[in-house]
C-alpha atoms as a PDB file:
ATOM      1  CA  MET A   1      79.732   0.947 -14.972  1.00  0.00           C
ATOM      2  CA  ILE A   2      82.074   2.598 -17.479  1.00  0.00           C
ATOM      3  CA  TYR A   3      80.172   1.169 -20.448  1.00  0.00           C
ATOM      4  CA  LYS A   4      76.848   2.070 -18.752  1.00  0.00           C
ATOM      5  CA  ASN A   5      77.997   5.701 -18.782  1.00  0.00           C
ATOM      6  CA  ARG A   6      78.894   5.368 -22.459  1.00  0.00           C
ATOM      7  CA  LEU A   7      75.460   3.936 -23.203  1.00  0.00           C
ATOM      8  CA  ASP A   8      73.957   6.992 -21.515  1.00  0.00           C
ATOM      9  CA  GLU A   9      76.086   9.175 -23.813  1.00  0.00           C
ATOM     10  CA  PHE A  10      74.884   7.369 -26.903  1.00  0.00           C
ATOM     11  CA  GLU A  11      71.292   7.481 -25.701  1.00  0.00           C
ATOM     12  CA  ASN A  12      71.583  11.284 -25.725  1.00  0.00           C
ATOM     13  CA  ASN A  13      72.814  11.125 -29.321  1.00  0.00           C
ATOM     14  CA  LEU A  14      69.771   9.046 -30.239  1.00  0.00           C
ATOM     15  CA  ASN A  15      67.297  11.525 -28.701  1.00  0.00           C
ATOM     16  CA  TYR A  16      65.447   8.527 -27.333  1.00  0.00           C
ATOM     17  CA  LYS A  17      65.201   7.356 -23.713  1.00  0.00           C
ATOM     18  CA  PHE A  18      65.179   3.591 -23.289  1.00  0.00           C
ATOM     19  CA  LYS A  19      62.978   1.938 -20.708  1.00  0.00           C
ATOM     20  CA  ASP A  20      65.118  -1.205 -21.036  1.00  0.00           C
ATOM     21  CA  MET A  21      68.800  -0.321 -21.506  1.00  0.00           C
ATOM     22  CA  ASN A  22      69.618  -3.996 -22.047  1.00  0.00           C
ATOM     23  CA  LEU A  23      68.036  -3.676 -25.494  1.00  0.00           C
ATOM     24  CA  LEU A  24      70.428  -0.894 -26.430  1.00  0.00           C
ATOM     25  CA  LYS A  25      73.441  -2.778 -25.095  1.00  0.00           C
ATOM     26  CA  MET A  26      72.436  -5.874 -27.063  1.00  0.00           C
ATOM     27  CA  ALA A  27      71.980  -3.770 -30.222  1.00  0.00           C
ATOM     28  CA  LEU A  28      75.556  -2.489 -29.924  1.00  0.00           C
ATOM     29  CA  THR A  29      77.115  -5.887 -29.150  1.00  0.00           C
ATOM     30  CA  HIS A  30      78.685  -7.628 -32.140  1.00  0.00           C
ATOM     31  CA  LYS A  31      78.810 -11.432 -32.111  1.00  0.00           C
ATOM     32  CA  SER A  32      82.632 -11.336 -32.206  1.00  0.00           C
ATOM     33  CA  TYR A  33      82.579  -9.665 -28.783  1.00  0.00           C
ATOM     34  CA  ALA A  34      80.046 -12.142 -27.395  1.00  0.00           C
ATOM     35  CA  TYR A  35      82.053 -15.143 -28.632  1.00  0.00           C
ATOM     36  CA  GLU A  36      85.195 -13.964 -26.820  1.00  0.00           C
ATOM     37  CA  LYS A  37      83.479 -13.766 -23.424  1.00  0.00           C
ATOM     38  CA  ASP A  38      83.358 -16.655 -20.972  1.00  0.00           C
ATOM     39  CA  VAL A  39      79.783 -15.872 -19.931  1.00  0.00           C
ATOM     40  CA  LYS A  40      76.773 -15.796 -22.224  1.00  0.00           C
ATOM     41  CA  VAL A  41      76.391 -12.377 -23.822  1.00  0.00           C
ATOM     42  CA  GLU A  42      73.435 -11.413 -26.010  1.00  0.00           C
ATOM     43  CA  TYR A  43      74.523  -9.990 -29.358  1.00  0.00           C
ATOM     44  CA  ASN A  44      72.724  -8.048 -32.049  1.00  0.00           C
ATOM     45  CA  GLU A  45      72.065 -10.436 -34.964  1.00  0.00           C
ATOM     46  CA  ARG A  46      68.437 -11.211 -34.126  1.00  0.00           C
ATOM     47  CA  ILE A  47      67.431  -7.662 -33.300  1.00  0.00           C
ATOM     48  CA  GLU A  48      69.287  -6.422 -36.394  1.00  0.00           C
ATOM     49  CA  TYR A  49      67.126  -8.831 -38.429  1.00  0.00           C
ATOM     50  CA  LEU A  50      64.031  -7.236 -36.881  1.00  0.00           C
ATOM     51  CA  GLY A  51      65.372  -3.714 -37.450  1.00  0.00           C
ATOM     52  CA  ASP A  52      66.043  -4.486 -41.112  1.00  0.00           C
ATOM     53  CA  ALA A  53      62.395  -5.498 -41.612  1.00  0.00           C
ATOM     54  CA  ILE A  54      61.091  -2.426 -39.726  1.00  0.00           C
ATOM     55  CA  LEU A  55      63.362  -0.137 -41.747  1.00  0.00           C
ATOM     56  CA  GLU A  56      62.117  -1.514 -45.069  1.00  0.00           C
ATOM     57  CA  HIS A  57      58.516  -1.102 -43.880  1.00  0.00           C
ATOM     58  CA  ILE A  58      59.038   2.515 -42.792  1.00  0.00           C
ATOM     59  CA  ILE A  59      60.839   3.549 -45.988  1.00  0.00           C
ATOM     60  CA  SER A  60      58.276   1.713 -48.141  1.00  0.00           C
ATOM     61  CA  GLU A  61      55.477   3.585 -46.365  1.00  0.00           C
ATOM     62  CA  LEU A  62      57.242   6.945 -46.828  1.00  0.00           C
ATOM     63  CA  LEU A  63      57.805   6.309 -50.524  1.00  0.00           C
ATOM     64  CA  TYR A  64      54.187   5.218 -50.980  1.00  0.00           C
ATOM     65  CA  ASP A  65      52.905   8.380 -49.264  1.00  0.00           C
ATOM     66  CA  PHE A  66      55.288  10.928 -50.803  1.00  0.00           C
ATOM     67  CA  THR A  67      55.895   9.585 -54.327  1.00  0.00           C
ATOM     68  CA  PRO A  68      52.433   8.664 -55.698  1.00  0.00           C
ATOM     69  CA  GLN A  69      53.657   9.300 -59.244  1.00  0.00           C
ATOM     70  CA  ILE A  70      56.293   6.531 -59.396  1.00  0.00           C
ATOM     71  CA  SER A  71      55.943   2.813 -60.091  1.00  0.00           C
ATOM     72  CA  GLU A  72      56.576  -0.105 -57.770  1.00  0.00           C
ATOM     73  CA  GLY A  73      59.890  -0.812 -59.533  1.00  0.00           C
ATOM     74  CA  GLU A  74      61.054   2.780 -59.066  1.00  0.00           C
ATOM     75  CA  MET A  75      60.006   2.689 -55.416  1.00  0.00           C
ATOM     76  CA  THR A  76      62.085  -0.462 -54.942  1.00  0.00           C
ATOM     77  CA  LYS A  77      65.162   1.231 -56.434  1.00  0.00           C
ATOM     78  CA  LYS A  78      64.731   4.325 -54.258  1.00  0.00           C
ATOM     79  CA  ARG A  79      64.239   2.204 -51.150  1.00  0.00           C
ATOM     80  CA  ALA A  80      67.427   0.261 -51.936  1.00  0.00           C
ATOM     81  CA  ASP A  81      69.284   3.578 -52.258  1.00  0.00           C
ATOM     82  CA  ILE A  82      68.081   4.805 -48.862  1.00  0.00           C
ATOM     83  CA  VAL A  83      68.679   1.569 -46.934  1.00  0.00           C
ATOM     84  CA  CYS A  84      72.019   0.695 -48.535  1.00  0.00           C
ATOM     85  CA  GLU A  85      75.018  -0.087 -46.350  1.00  0.00           C
ATOM     86  CA  ALA A  86      76.754   3.216 -47.077  1.00  0.00           C
ATOM     87  CA  SER A  87      73.686   5.272 -46.097  1.00  0.00           C
ATOM     88  CA  LEU A  88      73.097   3.430 -42.833  1.00  0.00           C
ATOM     89  CA  ALA A  89      76.777   3.528 -41.868  1.00  0.00           C
ATOM     90  CA  GLU A  90      76.948   7.253 -42.589  1.00  0.00           C
ATOM     91  CA  ALA A  91      73.800   7.911 -40.535  1.00  0.00           C
ATOM     92  CA  MET A  92      75.251   5.921 -37.630  1.00  0.00           C
ATOM     93  CA  LYS A  93      78.538   7.841 -37.835  1.00  0.00           C
ATOM     94  CA  ARG A  94      76.704  11.172 -37.656  1.00  0.00           C
ATOM     95  CA  ILE A  95      75.613  10.228 -34.143  1.00  0.00           C
ATOM     96  CA  ASP A  96      79.043   8.707 -33.325  1.00  0.00           C
ATOM     97  CA  GLY A  97      77.453   5.266 -33.117  1.00  0.00           C
ATOM     98  CA  GLN A  98      80.597   3.490 -34.342  1.00  0.00           C
ATOM     99  CA  LYS A  99      82.356   4.499 -31.094  1.00  0.00           C
ATOM    100  CA  TYR A 100      79.956   2.502 -28.933  1.00  0.00           C
ATOM    101  CA  ILE A 101      79.908  -0.841 -30.777  1.00  0.00           C
ATOM    102  CA  LEU A 102      81.371  -3.699 -28.737  1.00  0.00           C
ATOM    103  CA  LEU A 103      83.703  -5.683 -31.015  1.00  0.00           C
ATOM    104  CA  GLY A 104      85.893  -8.720 -30.550  1.00  0.00           C
ATOM    105  CA  LYS A 105      89.600  -8.592 -31.343  1.00  0.00           C
ATOM    106  CA  CYS A 106      89.132 -10.570 -34.561  1.00  0.00           C
ATOM    107  CA  GLU A 107      87.008  -7.724 -35.974  1.00  0.00           C
ATOM    108  CA  THR A 108      89.723  -5.139 -35.363  1.00  0.00           C
ATOM    109  CA  THR A 109      92.520  -6.965 -37.186  1.00  0.00           C
ATOM    110  CA  VAL A 110      91.567  -5.466 -40.550  1.00  0.00           C
ATOM    111  CA  SER A 111      91.049  -1.968 -39.160  1.00  0.00           C
ATOM    112  CA  LYS A 112      90.976  -0.291 -35.740  1.00  0.00           C
ATOM    113  CA  VAL A 113      87.555   1.155 -36.513  1.00  0.00           C
ATOM    114  CA  PRO A 114      84.466  -0.935 -37.337  1.00  0.00           C
ATOM    115  CA  GLN A 115      83.829  -1.711 -40.989  1.00  0.00           C
ATOM    116  CA  ASP A 116      80.834  -0.005 -42.608  1.00  0.00           C
ATOM    117  CA  ALA A 117      79.024  -3.356 -42.804  1.00  0.00           C
ATOM    118  CA  VAL A 118      79.253  -3.705 -39.019  1.00  0.00           C
ATOM    119  CA  ILE A 119      78.206  -0.078 -38.445  1.00  0.00           C
ATOM    120  CA  ALA A 120      75.216  -0.400 -40.794  1.00  0.00           C
ATOM    121  CA  ASP A 121      74.098  -3.607 -39.046  1.00  0.00           C
ATOM    122  CA  ALA A 122      74.340  -1.813 -35.701  1.00  0.00           C
ATOM    123  CA  PHE A 123      72.101   0.979 -37.030  1.00  0.00           C
ATOM    124  CA  GLU A 124      69.440  -1.594 -37.909  1.00  0.00           C
ATOM    125  CA  ALA A 125      69.907  -3.288 -34.529  1.00  0.00           C
ATOM    126  CA  VAL A 126      69.424   0.026 -32.689  1.00  0.00           C
ATOM    127  CA  LEU A 127      66.280   0.626 -34.742  1.00  0.00           C
ATOM    128  CA  GLY A 128      65.042  -2.833 -33.761  1.00  0.00           C
ATOM    129  CA  ALA A 129      65.773  -2.046 -30.109  1.00  0.00           C
ATOM    130  CA  ILE A 130      63.837   1.233 -30.276  1.00  0.00           C
ATOM    131  CA  TYR A 131      60.925  -0.575 -31.928  1.00  0.00           C
ATOM    132  CA  LYS A 132      60.833  -3.232 -29.180  1.00  0.00           C
ATOM    133  CA  ASP A 133      61.225  -0.633 -26.448  1.00  0.00           C
ATOM    134  CA  GLY A 134      58.935   2.131 -27.683  1.00  0.00           C
ATOM    135  CA  GLY A 135      56.873   0.864 -30.606  1.00  0.00           C
ATOM    136  CA  TYR A 136      56.459   1.671 -34.283  1.00  0.00           C
ATOM    137  CA  GLU A 137      55.964   5.438 -34.023  1.00  0.00           C
ATOM    138  CA  GLU A 138      59.193   5.891 -32.057  1.00  0.00           C
ATOM    139  CA  ALA A 139      61.019   3.712 -34.573  1.00  0.00           C
ATOM    140  CA  LYS A 140      59.614   5.778 -37.444  1.00  0.00           C
ATOM    141  CA  LYS A 141      60.618   9.010 -35.710  1.00  0.00           C
ATOM    142  CA  PHE A 142      64.177   7.683 -35.350  1.00  0.00           C
ATOM    143  CA  VAL A 143      64.402   6.692 -39.035  1.00  0.00           C
ATOM    144  CA  CYS A 144      62.957   9.970 -40.312  1.00  0.00           C
ATOM    145  CA  SER A 145      65.346  11.940 -38.102  1.00  0.00           C
ATOM    146  CA  LYS A 146      68.578  10.020 -38.625  1.00  0.00           C
ATOM    147  CA  LEU A 147      68.064   9.268 -42.324  1.00  0.00           C
ATOM    148  CA  GLU A 148      66.508  12.633 -43.185  1.00  0.00           C
ATOM    149  CA  LYS A 149      69.447  13.643 -45.398  1.00  0.00           C
ATOM    150  CA  GLU A 150      69.386  10.392 -47.396  1.00  0.00           C
ATOM    151  CA  ILE A 151      65.583  10.356 -47.706  1.00  0.00           C
ATOM    152  CA  ASN A 152      65.475  13.942 -49.001  1.00  0.00           C
ATOM    153  CA  LEU A 153      68.283  13.326 -51.502  1.00  0.00           C
ATOM    154  CA  VAL A 154      66.598  10.226 -52.922  1.00  0.00           C
ATOM    155  CA  LEU A 155      63.190  11.924 -53.049  1.00  0.00           C
ATOM    156  CA  SER A 156      64.823  14.753 -55.017  1.00  0.00           C
ATOM    157  CA  GLY A 157      65.952  12.230 -57.622  1.00  0.00           C
ATOM    158  CA  LYS A 158      69.578  11.684 -56.646  1.00  0.00           C
ATOM    159  CA  SER A 159      71.295   8.322 -56.206  1.00  0.00           C
ATOM    160  CA  LEU A 160      73.351   7.581 -53.084  1.00  0.00           C
ATOM    161  CA  ASN A 161      75.215   4.549 -54.369  1.00  0.00           C
ATOM    162  CA  VAL A 162      78.863   5.458 -54.935  1.00  0.00           C
ATOM    163  CA  ASP A 163      80.985   3.176 -57.125  1.00  0.00           C
ATOM    164  CA  TYR A 164      84.282   3.341 -55.213  1.00  0.00           C
ATOM    165  CA  LYS A 165      85.927   0.741 -57.462  1.00  0.00           C
ATOM    166  CA  THR A 166      85.356   2.879 -60.534  1.00  0.00           C
ATOM    167  CA  LYS A 167      86.535   6.023 -58.740  1.00  0.00           C
ATOM    168  CA  LEU A 168      89.724   4.280 -57.604  1.00  0.00           C
ATOM    169  CA  GLN A 169      90.352   2.862 -61.063  1.00  0.00           C
ATOM    170  CA  GLU A 170      89.943   6.284 -62.675  1.00  0.00           C
ATOM    171  CA  ILE A 171      92.485   7.825 -60.281  1.00  0.00           C
ATOM    172  CA  LEU A 172      95.038   5.025 -60.585  1.00  0.00           C
ATOM    173  CA  GLN A 173      94.844   4.825 -64.362  1.00  0.00           C
ATOM    174  CA  ARG A 174      95.327   8.519 -65.067  1.00  0.00           C
ATOM    175  CA  ASP A 175      98.922   7.873 -66.127  1.00  0.00           C
ATOM    176  CA  GLY A 176      98.170   4.778 -68.163  1.00  0.00           C
ATOM    177  CA  ASN A 177      97.233   1.151 -67.553  1.00  0.00           C
ATOM    178  CA  VAL A 178      98.100  -0.293 -64.162  1.00  0.00           C
ATOM    179  CA  LYS A 179      97.394  -3.623 -62.481  1.00  0.00           C
ATOM    180  CA  ILE A 180      94.523  -3.482 -59.966  1.00  0.00           C
ATOM    181  CA  GLU A 181      93.523  -6.707 -58.238  1.00  0.00           C
ATOM    182  CA  TYR A 182      90.904  -7.621 -55.632  1.00  0.00           C
ATOM    183  CA  VAL A 183      91.835 -10.719 -53.641  1.00  0.00           C
ATOM    184  CA  VAL A 184      89.554 -12.563 -51.196  1.00  0.00           C
ATOM    185  CA  LEU A 185      91.482 -13.007 -47.940  1.00  0.00           C
ATOM    186  CA  LYS A 186      88.819 -14.821 -45.975  1.00  0.00           C
ATOM    187  CA  GLU A 187      85.277 -16.126 -46.343  1.00  0.00           C
ATOM    188  CA  SER A 188      83.344 -17.033 -43.206  1.00  0.00           C
ATOM    189  CA  GLY A 189      79.855 -17.544 -41.810  1.00  0.00           C
ATOM    190  CA  PRO A 190      76.849 -19.684 -42.813  1.00  0.00           C
ATOM    191  CA  GLU A 191      75.355 -19.441 -46.313  1.00  0.00           C
ATOM    192  CA  HIS A 192      72.615 -17.017 -45.214  1.00  0.00           C
ATOM    193  CA  ASP A 193      75.069 -14.701 -43.430  1.00  0.00           C
ATOM    194  CA  LYS A 194      78.401 -14.765 -45.252  1.00  0.00           C
ATOM    195  CA  LYS A 195      81.275 -12.395 -44.524  1.00  0.00           C
ATOM    196  CA  PHE A 196      84.029 -11.686 -47.021  1.00  0.00           C
ATOM    197  CA  GLU A 197      87.364  -9.974 -46.362  1.00  0.00           C
ATOM    198  CA  VAL A 198      89.054  -8.559 -49.453  1.00  0.00           C
ATOM    199  CA  GLU A 199      92.254  -6.649 -50.178  1.00  0.00           C
ATOM    200  CA  VAL A 200      92.909  -4.419 -53.162  1.00  0.00           C
ATOM    201  CA  LEU A 201      96.374  -4.493 -54.745  1.00  0.00           C
ATOM    202  CA  PHE A 202      97.873  -1.733 -56.903  1.00  0.00           C
ATOM    203  CA  ASN A 203     100.812  -3.057 -58.918  1.00  0.00           C
ATOM    204  CA  SER A 204     101.013  -5.924 -56.367  1.00  0.00           C
ATOM    205  CA  LYS A 205     101.063  -3.485 -53.387  1.00  0.00           C
ATOM    206  CA  LYS A 206      98.209  -3.638 -50.883  1.00  0.00           C
ATOM    207  CA  ILE A 207      96.452  -0.275 -50.641  1.00  0.00           C
ATOM    208  CA  GLY A 208      93.216  -1.192 -48.849  1.00  0.00           C
ATOM    209  CA  GLU A 209      91.110  -3.875 -47.170  1.00  0.00           C
ATOM    210  CA  GLY A 210      87.381  -4.245 -46.794  1.00  0.00           C
ATOM    211  CA  VAL A 211      84.683  -6.453 -45.307  1.00  0.00           C
ATOM    212  CA  GLY A 212      81.200  -7.106 -46.655  1.00  0.00           C
ATOM    213  CA  LYS A 213      78.314  -9.544 -46.833  1.00  0.00           C
ATOM    214  CA  SER A 214      79.232 -10.250 -50.457  1.00  0.00           C
ATOM    215  CA  LYS A 215      82.435 -10.109 -52.502  1.00  0.00           C
ATOM    216  CA  LYS A 216      81.053  -7.046 -54.286  1.00  0.00           C
ATOM    217  CA  GLN A 217      80.427  -5.203 -51.016  1.00  0.00           C
ATOM    218  CA  ALA A 218      83.845  -6.152 -49.665  1.00  0.00           C
ATOM    219  CA  GLU A 219      85.551  -4.965 -52.859  1.00  0.00           C
ATOM    220  CA  GLN A 220      83.709  -1.647 -52.692  1.00  0.00           C
ATOM    221  CA  GLN A 221      84.794  -1.224 -49.064  1.00  0.00           C
ATOM    222  CA  ALA A 222      88.399  -2.054 -49.942  1.00  0.00           C
ATOM    223  CA  ALA A 223      88.339   0.551 -52.716  1.00  0.00           C
ATOM    224  CA  LYS A 224      86.780   3.094 -50.349  1.00  0.00           C
ATOM    225  CA  ARG A 225      89.491   2.451 -47.747  1.00  0.00           C
ATOM    226  CA  ALA A 226      92.152   2.869 -50.419  1.00  0.00           C
ATOM    227  CA  LEU A 227      90.657   6.192 -51.503  1.00  0.00           C
ATOM    228  CA  GLU A 228      90.509   7.372 -47.888  1.00  0.00           C
ATOM    229  CA  SER A 229      94.072   6.310 -47.024  1.00  0.00           C
ATOM    230  CA  LYS A 230      95.607   7.665 -50.268  1.00  0.00           C
ATOM    231  CA  ILE A 231      98.612   5.349 -49.814  1.00  0.00           C
ATOM    232  CA  TYR A 232      98.716   4.612 -53.538  1.00  0.00           C
END
């Protein structure tokens, strides 16, 4: 009952009323949470897969309609900017979505809050749930509303990809050369769905950790965490 009330809260943030609340609950359930339960719990990997495809379709359609002057290659770059992990995680955070994700204990060992990779996946899962519950037009309305900031920025010619590793390096090396290392702590999951946990060391001192679907993503997240914590 307590989580049902929280789902109602999040539903208000979405500005969408679900006919089947089980879809929303599934979209917010990470597999780590499902694996720790004794009973079978549906988690969000499959519906996130669907949401990812719907998202690419919607953004591709928007770019086709609103940027007739650019090439297919340019459209691909702009789409990648809009649907990148950082953009989706930020959009989810604007509606406090990270607060409603059901996580297992193993996912909270690195940080007490969900990693951006998990938050971004949940955004796509929620989109998939809205699509299954209300159809394409409702899904498109959700994307255009929640990603409006990112869409407008990219359409205006700006890039949303932030190189946190470079930013961190520039700050740390202001006073001369220092030793910055990125170390893989853990690699898990099947080949098609890998997860990497990485720590960043500054003069052999850990200053941040990150998780991603690739080493590059995990390193960027570790650098971002280090910049946010400012413990260097």
